[in-house]
């Protein structure tokens, strides 16, 4: 089981702050494909990966990161600071 967390506009589009899912995905990209295939709201949220960042077990990573042994995946828009 993987905890999937959604932040900012992703949370609004999907309608959930988090969910626990069972997945056969080997990478974050595979997980995104599984999620996007679920329903239109997921497909819309994940339609532009360049507008998203991902953290695996609270560490920033890329969409090709492996999911073996992972407990948490978080998706969020890029952050700006000042």
PDB file of N, CA and C in Angstrom:
ATOM      1  N   UNK A   1       0.837  -1.189   0.000  1.00  0.00           N
ATOM      2  CA  UNK A   1       0.000   0.000   0.000  1.00  0.00           C
ATOM      3  C   UNK A   1       0.881   1.252   0.000  1.00  0.00           C
ATOM      4  N   UNK A   2       0.440   2.241  -0.749  1.00  0.00           N
ATOM      5  CA  UNK A   2       1.155   3.512  -0.839  1.00  0.00           C
ATOM      6  C   UNK A   2       0.193   4.628  -0.459  1.00  0.00           C
ATOM      7  N   UNK A   3       0.652   5.530   0.396  1.00  0.00           N
ATOM      8  CA  UNK A   3      -0.107   6.743   0.680  1.00  0.00           C
ATOM      9  C   UNK A   3       0.226   7.750  -0.410  1.00  0.00           C
ATOM     10  N   UNK A   4      -0.813   8.265  -1.072  1.00  0.00           N
ATOM     11  CA  UNK A   4      -0.626   9.262  -2.119  1.00  0.00           C
ATOM     12  C   UNK A   4      -1.229  10.559  -1.614  1.00  0.00           C
ATOM     13  N   UNK A   5      -0.417  11.624  -1.598  1.00  0.00           N
ATOM     14  CA  UNK A   5      -0.842  12.926  -1.100  1.00  0.00           C
ATOM     15  C   UNK A   5      -0.920  13.911  -2.253  1.00  0.00           C
ATOM     16  N   UNK A   6      -1.958  14.752  -2.205  1.00  0.00           N
ATOM     17  CA  UNK A   6      -2.170  15.771  -3.238  1.00  0.00           C
ATOM     18  C   UNK A   6      -2.203  17.139  -2.566  1.00  0.00           C
ATOM     19  N   UNK A   7      -1.485  18.108  -3.143  1.00  0.00           N
ATOM     20  CA  UNK A   7      -1.418  19.443  -2.573  1.00  0.00           C
ATOM     21  C   UNK A   7      -1.877  20.499  -3.579  1.00  0.00           C
ATOM     22  N   UNK A   8      -2.318  21.621  -3.047  1.00  0.00           N
ATOM     23  CA  UNK A   8      -2.709  22.809  -3.812  1.00  0.00           C
ATOM     24  C   UNK A   8      -3.808  22.471  -4.823  1.00  0.00           C
ATOM     25  N   UNK A   9      -3.639  22.885  -6.085  1.00  0.00           N
ATOM     26  CA  UNK A   9      -4.703  22.689  -7.068  1.00  0.00           C
ATOM     27  C   UNK A   9      -4.922  21.222  -7.419  1.00  0.00           C
ATOM     28  N   UNK A  10      -3.941  20.370  -7.176  1.00  0.00           N
ATOM     29  CA  UNK A  10      -4.163  18.928  -7.394  1.00  0.00           C
ATOM     30  C   UNK A  10      -5.235  18.417  -6.436  1.00  0.00           C
ATOM     31  N   UNK A  11      -5.156  18.835  -5.193  1.00  0.00           N
ATOM     32  CA  UNK A  11      -6.152  18.444  -4.191  1.00  0.00           C
ATOM     33  C   UNK A  11      -7.538  18.909  -4.629  1.00  0.00           C
ATOM     34  N   UNK A  12      -7.617  20.128  -5.161  1.00  0.00           N
ATOM     35  CA  UNK A  12      -8.899  20.662  -5.605  1.00  0.00           C
ATOM     36  C   UNK A  12      -9.451  19.881  -6.790  1.00  0.00           C
ATOM     37  N   UNK A  13      -8.610  19.565  -7.764  1.00  0.00           N
ATOM     38  CA  UNK A  13      -9.080  18.845  -8.954  1.00  0.00           C
ATOM     39  C   UNK A  13      -9.469  17.406  -8.650  1.00  0.00           C
ATOM     40  N   UNK A  14      -8.697  16.752  -7.802  1.00  0.00           N
ATOM     41  CA  UNK A  14      -8.981  15.355  -7.488  1.00  0.00           C
ATOM     42  C   UNK A  14     -10.059  15.241  -6.417  1.00  0.00           C
ATOM     43  N   UNK A  15     -10.114  16.233  -5.536  1.00  0.00           N
ATOM     44  CA  UNK A  15     -11.142  16.240  -4.505  1.00  0.00           C
ATOM     45  C   UNK A  15     -10.755  15.491  -3.242  1.00  0.00           C
ATOM     46  N   UNK A  16      -9.485  15.159  -3.110  1.00  0.00           N
ATOM     47  CA  UNK A  16      -8.985  14.444  -1.940  1.00  0.00           C
ATOM     48  C   UNK A  16      -7.635  15.006  -1.526  1.00  0.00           C
ATOM     49  N   UNK A  17      -7.357  15.090  -0.229  1.00  0.00           N
ATOM     50  CA  UNK A  17      -6.022  15.493   0.198  1.00  0.00           C
ATOM     51  C   UNK A  17      -5.038  14.327   0.148  1.00  0.00           C
ATOM     52  N   UNK A  18      -5.573  13.104   0.351  1.00  0.00           N
ATOM     53  CA  UNK A  18      -4.716  11.922   0.303  1.00  0.00           C
ATOM     54  C   UNK A  18      -5.574  10.682   0.165  1.00  0.00           C
ATOM     55  N   UNK A  19      -4.921   9.607  -0.236  1.00  0.00           N
ATOM     56  CA  UNK A  19      -5.590   8.320  -0.304  1.00  0.00           C
ATOM     57  C   UNK A  19      -4.544   7.224  -0.203  1.00  0.00           C
ATOM     58  N   UNK A  20      -4.970   6.071   0.232  1.00  0.00           N
ATOM     59  CA  UNK A  20      -4.088   4.910   0.319  1.00  0.00           C
ATOM     60  C   UNK A  20      -4.492   3.973  -0.801  1.00  0.00           C
ATOM     61  N   UNK A  21      -3.522   3.625  -1.644  1.00  0.00           N
ATOM     62  CA  UNK A  21      -3.843   2.779  -2.785  1.00  0.00           C
ATOM     63  C   UNK A  21      -2.916   1.574  -2.854  1.00  0.00           C
ATOM     64  N   UNK A  22      -3.409   0.563  -3.507  1.00  0.00           N
ATOM     65  CA  UNK A  22      -2.588  -0.590  -3.830  1.00  0.00           C
ATOM     66  C   UNK A  22      -2.229  -0.440  -5.298  1.00  0.00           C
ATOM     67  N   UNK A  23      -0.961  -0.556  -5.619  1.00  0.00           N
ATOM     68  CA  UNK A  23      -0.497  -0.297  -6.978  1.00  0.00           C
ATOM     69  C   UNK A  23       0.548  -1.314  -7.392  1.00  0.00           C
ATOM     70  N   UNK A  24       0.550  -1.622  -8.678  1.00  0.00           N
ATOM     71  CA  UNK A  24       1.593  -2.484  -9.236  1.00  0.00           C
ATOM     72  C   UNK A  24       2.639  -1.650  -9.973  1.00  0.00           C
ATOM     73  N   UNK A  25       2.551  -0.323  -9.839  1.00  0.00           N
ATOM     74  CA  UNK A  25       3.474   0.584 -10.520  1.00  0.00           C
ATOM     75  C   UNK A  25       4.913   0.364 -10.066  1.00  0.00           C
ATOM     76  N   UNK A  26       5.828   0.395 -11.019  1.00  0.00           N
ATOM     77  CA  UNK A  26       7.248   0.244 -10.696  1.00  0.00           C
ATOM     78  C   UNK A  26       7.942   1.586 -10.525  1.00  0.00           C
ATOM     79  N   UNK A  27       7.402   2.636 -11.159  1.00  0.00           N
ATOM     80  CA  UNK A  27       7.975   3.974 -11.063  1.00  0.00           C
ATOM     81  C   UNK A  27       6.867   4.979 -10.762  1.00  0.00           C
ATOM     82  N   UNK A  28       7.265   6.198 -10.426  1.00  0.00           N
ATOM     83  CA  UNK A  28       6.281   7.261 -10.213  1.00  0.00           C
ATOM     84  C   UNK A  28       5.481   7.490 -11.484  1.00  0.00           C
ATOM     85  N   UNK A  29       6.140   7.464 -12.639  1.00  0.00           N
ATOM     86  CA  UNK A  29       5.437   7.656 -13.914  1.00  0.00           C
ATOM     87  C   UNK A  29       4.374   6.583 -14.124  1.00  0.00           C
ATOM     88  N   UNK A  30       4.689   5.346 -13.760  1.00  0.00           N
ATOM     89  CA  UNK A  30       3.700   4.263 -13.860  1.00  0.00           C
ATOM     90  C   UNK A  30       2.512   4.533 -12.931  1.00  0.00           C
ATOM     91  N   UNK A  31       2.795   5.029 -11.743  1.00  0.00           N
ATOM     92  CA  UNK A  31       1.731   5.362 -10.793  1.00  0.00           C
ATOM     93  C   UNK A  31       0.844   6.466 -11.357  1.00  0.00           C
ATOM     94  N   UNK A  32       1.455   7.483 -11.941  1.00  0.00           N
ATOM     95  CA  UNK A  32       0.690   8.566 -12.556  1.00  0.00           C
ATOM     96  C   UNK A  32      -0.219   8.017 -13.645  1.00  0.00           C
ATOM     97  N   UNK A  33       0.296   7.107 -14.469  1.00  0.00           N
ATOM     98  CA  UNK A  33      -0.515   6.508 -15.531  1.00  0.00           C
ATOM     99  C   UNK A  33      -1.701   5.735 -14.945  1.00  0.00           C
ATOM    100  N   UNK A  34      -1.461   4.989 -13.870  1.00  0.00           N
ATOM    101  CA  UNK A  34      -2.554   4.261 -13.205  1.00  0.00           C
ATOM    102  C   UNK A  34      -3.609   5.222 -12.680  1.00  0.00           C
ATOM    103  N   UNK A  35      -3.152   6.288 -12.021  1.00  0.00           N
ATOM    104  CA  UNK A  35      -4.089   7.259 -11.454  1.00  0.00           C
ATOM    105  C   UNK A  35      -4.875   7.974 -12.553  1.00  0.00           C
ATOM    106  N   UNK A  36      -4.191   8.408 -13.600  1.00  0.00           N
ATOM    107  CA  UNK A  36      -4.840   9.138 -14.685  1.00  0.00           C
ATOM    108  C   UNK A  36      -5.890   8.284 -15.392  1.00  0.00           C
ATOM    109  N   UNK A  37      -5.700   6.969 -15.392  1.00  0.00           N
ATOM    110  CA  UNK A  37      -6.647   6.070 -16.048  1.00  0.00           C
ATOM    111  C   UNK A  37      -7.896   5.820 -15.200  1.00  0.00           C
ATOM    112  N   UNK A  38      -7.870   6.212 -13.937  1.00  0.00           N
ATOM    113  CA  UNK A  38      -8.996   5.960 -13.026  1.00  0.00           C
ATOM    114  C   UNK A  38     -10.264   6.696 -13.434  1.00  0.00           C
ATOM    115  N   UNK A  39     -10.144   8.013 -13.493  1.00  0.00           N
ATOM    116  CA  UNK A  39     -11.306   8.875 -13.736  1.00  0.00           C
ATOM    117  C   UNK A  39     -10.830  10.157 -14.412  1.00  0.00           C
ATOM    118  N   UNK A  40     -11.782  10.900 -14.944  1.00  0.00           N
ATOM    119  CA  UNK A  40     -11.479  12.158 -15.624  1.00  0.00           C
ATOM    120  C   UNK A  40     -10.782  13.157 -14.702  1.00  0.00           C
ATOM    121  N   UNK A  41     -11.199  13.217 -13.439  1.00  0.00           N
ATOM    122  CA  UNK A  41     -10.593  14.196 -12.527  1.00  0.00           C
ATOM    123  C   UNK A  41      -9.102  13.925 -12.330  1.00  0.00           C
ATOM    124  N   UNK A  42      -8.698  12.660 -12.300  1.00  0.00           N
ATOM    125  CA  UNK A  42      -7.279  12.314 -12.192  1.00  0.00           C
ATOM    126  C   UNK A  42      -6.560  12.635 -13.500  1.00  0.00           C
ATOM    127  N   UNK A  43      -7.191  12.294 -14.604  1.00  0.00           N
ATOM    128  CA  UNK A  43      -6.590  12.572 -15.912  1.00  0.00           C
ATOM    129  C   UNK A  43      -6.334  14.066 -16.076  1.00  0.00           C
ATOM    130  N   UNK A  44      -7.270  14.882 -15.641  1.00  0.00           N
ATOM    131  CA  UNK A  44      -7.116  16.340 -15.711  1.00  0.00           C
ATOM    132  C   UNK A  44      -5.972  16.812 -14.810  1.00  0.00           C
ATOM    133  N   UNK A  45      -5.925  16.287 -13.601  1.00  0.00           N
ATOM    134  CA  UNK A  45      -4.891  16.700 -12.647  1.00  0.00           C
ATOM    135  C   UNK A  45      -3.490  16.349 -13.128  1.00  0.00           C
ATOM    136  N   UNK A  46      -3.350  15.219 -13.813  1.00  0.00           N
ATOM    137  CA  UNK A  46      -2.034  14.757 -14.256  1.00  0.00           C
ATOM    138  C   UNK A  46      -1.787  14.986 -15.745  1.00  0.00           C
ATOM    139  N   UNK A  47      -2.543  15.879 -16.368  1.00  0.00           N
ATOM    140  CA  UNK A  47      -2.427  16.081 -17.815  1.00  0.00           C
ATOM    141  C   UNK A  47      -1.133  16.783 -18.225  1.00  0.00           C
ATOM    142  N   UNK A  48      -0.516  17.542 -17.326  1.00  0.00           N
ATOM    143  CA  UNK A  48       0.715  18.262 -17.659  1.00  0.00           C
ATOM    144  C   UNK A  48       1.751  18.030 -16.558  1.00  0.00           C
ATOM    145  N   UNK A  49       2.565  17.013 -16.733  1.00  0.00           N
ATOM    146  CA  UNK A  49       3.549  16.667 -15.692  1.00  0.00           C
ATOM    147  C   UNK A  49       4.612  17.738 -15.509  1.00  0.00           C
ATOM    148  N   UNK A  50       4.804  18.592 -16.513  1.00  0.00           N
ATOM    149  CA  UNK A  50       5.795  19.664 -16.358  1.00  0.00           C
ATOM    150  C   UNK A  50       5.336  20.682 -15.310  1.00  0.00           C
ATOM    151  N   UNK A  51       4.049  20.666 -14.961  1.00  0.00           N
ATOM    152  CA  UNK A  51       3.508  21.581 -13.966  1.00  0.00           C
ATOM    153  C   UNK A  51       3.468  20.942 -12.578  1.00  0.00           C
ATOM    154  N   UNK A  52       4.100  19.770 -12.443  1.00  0.00           N
ATOM    155  CA  UNK A  52       4.060  19.048 -11.176  1.00  0.00           C
ATOM    156  C   UNK A  52       5.448  18.705 -10.664  1.00  0.00           C
ATOM    157  N   UNK A  53       5.533  18.564  -9.368  1.00  0.00           N
ATOM    158  CA  UNK A  53       6.727  18.039  -8.707  1.00  0.00           C
ATOM    159  C   UNK A  53       6.274  16.832  -7.899  1.00  0.00           C
ATOM    160  N   UNK A  54       7.233  15.988  -7.561  1.00  0.00           N
ATOM    161  CA  UNK A  54       6.896  14.785  -6.813  1.00  0.00           C
ATOM    162  C   UNK A  54       7.946  14.538  -5.733  1.00  0.00           C
ATOM    163  N   UNK A  55       7.477  14.045  -4.599  1.00  0.00           N
ATOM    164  CA  UNK A  55       8.369  13.624  -3.518  1.00  0.00           C
ATOM    165  C   UNK A  55       8.013  12.182  -3.160  1.00  0.00           C
ATOM    166  N   UNK A  56       9.036  11.387  -2.973  1.00  0.00           N
ATOM    167  CA  UNK A  56       8.863   9.993  -2.579  1.00  0.00           C
ATOM    168  C   UNK A  56       9.450   9.847  -1.186  1.00  0.00           C
ATOM    169  N   UNK A  57       8.639   9.397  -0.260  1.00  0.00           N
ATOM    170  CA  UNK A  57       9.042   9.315   1.150  1.00  0.00           C
ATOM    171  C   UNK A  57       9.715  10.608   1.606  1.00  0.00           C
ATOM    172  N   UNK A  58       9.087  11.729   1.249  1.00  0.00           N
ATOM    173  CA  UNK A  58       9.453  13.084   1.655  1.00  0.00           C
ATOM    174  C   UNK A  58      10.776  13.581   1.087  1.00  0.00           C
ATOM    175  N   UNK A  59      11.200  13.005  -0.040  1.00  0.00           N
ATOM    176  CA  UNK A  59      12.390  13.504  -0.739  1.00  0.00           C
ATOM    177  C   UNK A  59      12.027  13.810  -2.176  1.00  0.00           C
ATOM    178  N   UNK A  60      12.376  15.033  -2.624  1.00  0.00           N
ATOM    179  CA  UNK A  60      12.110  15.405  -4.004  1.00  0.00           C
ATOM    180  C   UNK A  60      12.788  14.434  -4.956  1.00  0.00           C
ATOM    181  N   UNK A  61      12.092  14.088  -6.019  1.00  0.00           N
ATOM    182  CA  UNK A  61      12.638  13.141  -6.981  1.00  0.00           C
ATOM    183  C   UNK A  61      12.019  13.386  -8.351  1.00  0.00           C
ATOM    184  N   UNK A  62      12.339  12.527  -9.298  1.00  0.00           N
ATOM    185  CA  UNK A  62      11.813  12.622 -10.659  1.00  0.00           C
ATOM    186  C   UNK A  62      10.730  11.576 -10.865  1.00  0.00           C
ATOM    187  N   UNK A  63      10.024  11.705 -11.970  1.00  0.00           N
ATOM    188  CA  UNK A  63       8.944  10.777 -12.274  1.00  0.00           C
ATOM    189  C   UNK A  63       9.442   9.385 -12.657  1.00  0.00           C
ATOM    190  N   UNK A  64      10.726   9.240 -12.902  1.00  0.00           N
ATOM    191  CA  UNK A  64      11.265   7.905 -13.208  1.00  0.00           C
ATOM    192  C   UNK A  64      11.778   7.192 -11.951  1.00  0.00           C
ATOM    193  N   UNK A  65      11.541   7.768 -10.784  1.00  0.00           N
ATOM    194  CA  UNK A  65      11.991   7.171  -9.523  1.00  0.00           C
ATOM    195  C   UNK A  65      11.269   5.846  -9.270  1.00  0.00           C
ATOM    196  N   UNK A  66      12.001   4.844  -8.800  1.00  0.00           N
ATOM    197  CA  UNK A  66      11.376   3.548  -8.494  1.00  0.00           C
ATOM    198  C   UNK A  66      10.498   3.627  -7.249  1.00  0.00           C
ATOM    199  N   UNK A  67       9.494   2.771  -7.192  1.00  0.00           N
ATOM    200  CA  UNK A  67       8.572   2.759  -6.063  1.00  0.00           C
ATOM    201  C   UNK A  67       8.747   1.558  -5.132  1.00  0.00           C
ATOM    202  N   UNK A  68       9.717   0.717  -5.391  1.00  0.00           N
ATOM    203  CA  UNK A  68       9.931  -0.459  -4.539  1.00  0.00           C
ATOM    204  C   UNK A  68      10.188  -0.024  -3.098  1.00  0.00           C
ATOM    205  N   UNK A  69       9.380  -0.501  -2.180  1.00  0.00           N
ATOM    206  CA  UNK A  69       9.551  -0.193  -0.772  1.00  0.00           C
ATOM    207  C   UNK A  69       9.067   1.176  -0.338  1.00  0.00           C
ATOM    208  N   UNK A  70       8.499   1.939  -1.243  1.00  0.00           N
ATOM    209  CA  UNK A  70       8.047   3.306  -0.942  1.00  0.00           C
ATOM    210  C   UNK A  70       6.734   3.259  -0.153  1.00  0.00           C
ATOM    211  N   UNK A  71       6.622   4.151   0.824  1.00  0.00           N
ATOM    212  CA  UNK A  71       5.399   4.226   1.625  1.00  0.00           C
ATOM    213  C   UNK A  71       4.545   5.438   1.280  1.00  0.00           C
ATOM    214  N   UNK A  72       5.180   6.509   0.739  1.00  0.00           N
ATOM    215  CA  UNK A  72       4.432   7.742   0.489  1.00  0.00           C
ATOM    216  C   UNK A  72       4.915   8.422  -0.785  1.00  0.00           C
ATOM    217  N   UNK A  73       3.951   8.880  -1.588  1.00  0.00           N
ATOM    218  CA  UNK A  73       4.246   9.678  -2.775  1.00  0.00           C
ATOM    219  C   UNK A  73       3.389  10.935  -2.682  1.00  0.00           C
ATOM    220  N   UNK A  74       4.011  12.097  -2.843  1.00  0.00           N
ATOM    221  CA  UNK A  74       3.293  13.367  -2.771  1.00  0.00           C
ATOM    222  C   UNK A  74       3.444  14.122  -4.076  1.00  0.00           C
ATOM    223  N   UNK A  75       2.333  14.654  -4.565  1.00  0.00           N
ATOM    224  CA  UNK A  75       2.332  15.442  -5.797  1.00  0.00           C
ATOM    225  C   UNK A  75       1.946  16.872  -5.453  1.00  0.00           C
ATOM    226  N   UNK A  76       2.646  17.851  -6.053  1.00  0.00           N
ATOM    227  CA  UNK A  76       2.388  19.253  -5.758  1.00  0.00           C
ATOM    228  C   UNK A  76       2.928  20.108  -6.898  1.00  0.00           C
ATOM    229  N   UNK A  77       2.419  21.343  -7.028  1.00  0.00           N
ATOM    230  CA  UNK A  77       2.944  22.251  -8.035  1.00  0.00           C
ATOM    231  C   UNK A  77       4.316  22.782  -7.600  1.00  0.00           C
ATOM    232  N   UNK A  78       5.074  23.316  -8.556  1.00  0.00           N
ATOM    233  CA  UNK A  78       6.373  23.912  -8.184  1.00  0.00           C
ATOM    234  C   UNK A  78       6.153  25.025  -7.164  1.00  0.00           C
ATOM    235  N   UNK A  79       7.105  25.148  -6.265  1.00  0.00           N
ATOM    236  CA  UNK A  79       7.003  26.183  -5.235  1.00  0.00           C
ATOM    237  C   UNK A  79       7.853  27.376  -5.621  1.00  0.00           C
ATOM    238  N   UNK A  80       7.363  28.526  -5.254  1.00  0.00           N
ATOM    239  CA  UNK A  80       8.148  29.737  -5.472  1.00  0.00           C
ATOM    240  C   UNK A  80       8.438  30.346  -4.119  1.00  0.00           C
ATOM    241  N   UNK A  81       9.496  31.071  -4.053  1.00  0.00           N
ATOM    242  CA  UNK A  81       9.863  31.705  -2.794  1.00  0.00           C
ATOM    243  C   UNK A  81      10.411  33.084  -3.025  1.00  0.00           C
ATOM    244  N   UNK A  82      10.650  33.744  -1.970  1.00  0.00           N
ATOM    245  CA  UNK A  82      11.166  35.079  -2.161  1.00  0.00           C
ATOM    246  C   UNK A  82      11.753  35.615  -0.889  1.00  0.00           C
TER     247      UNK A  82
END
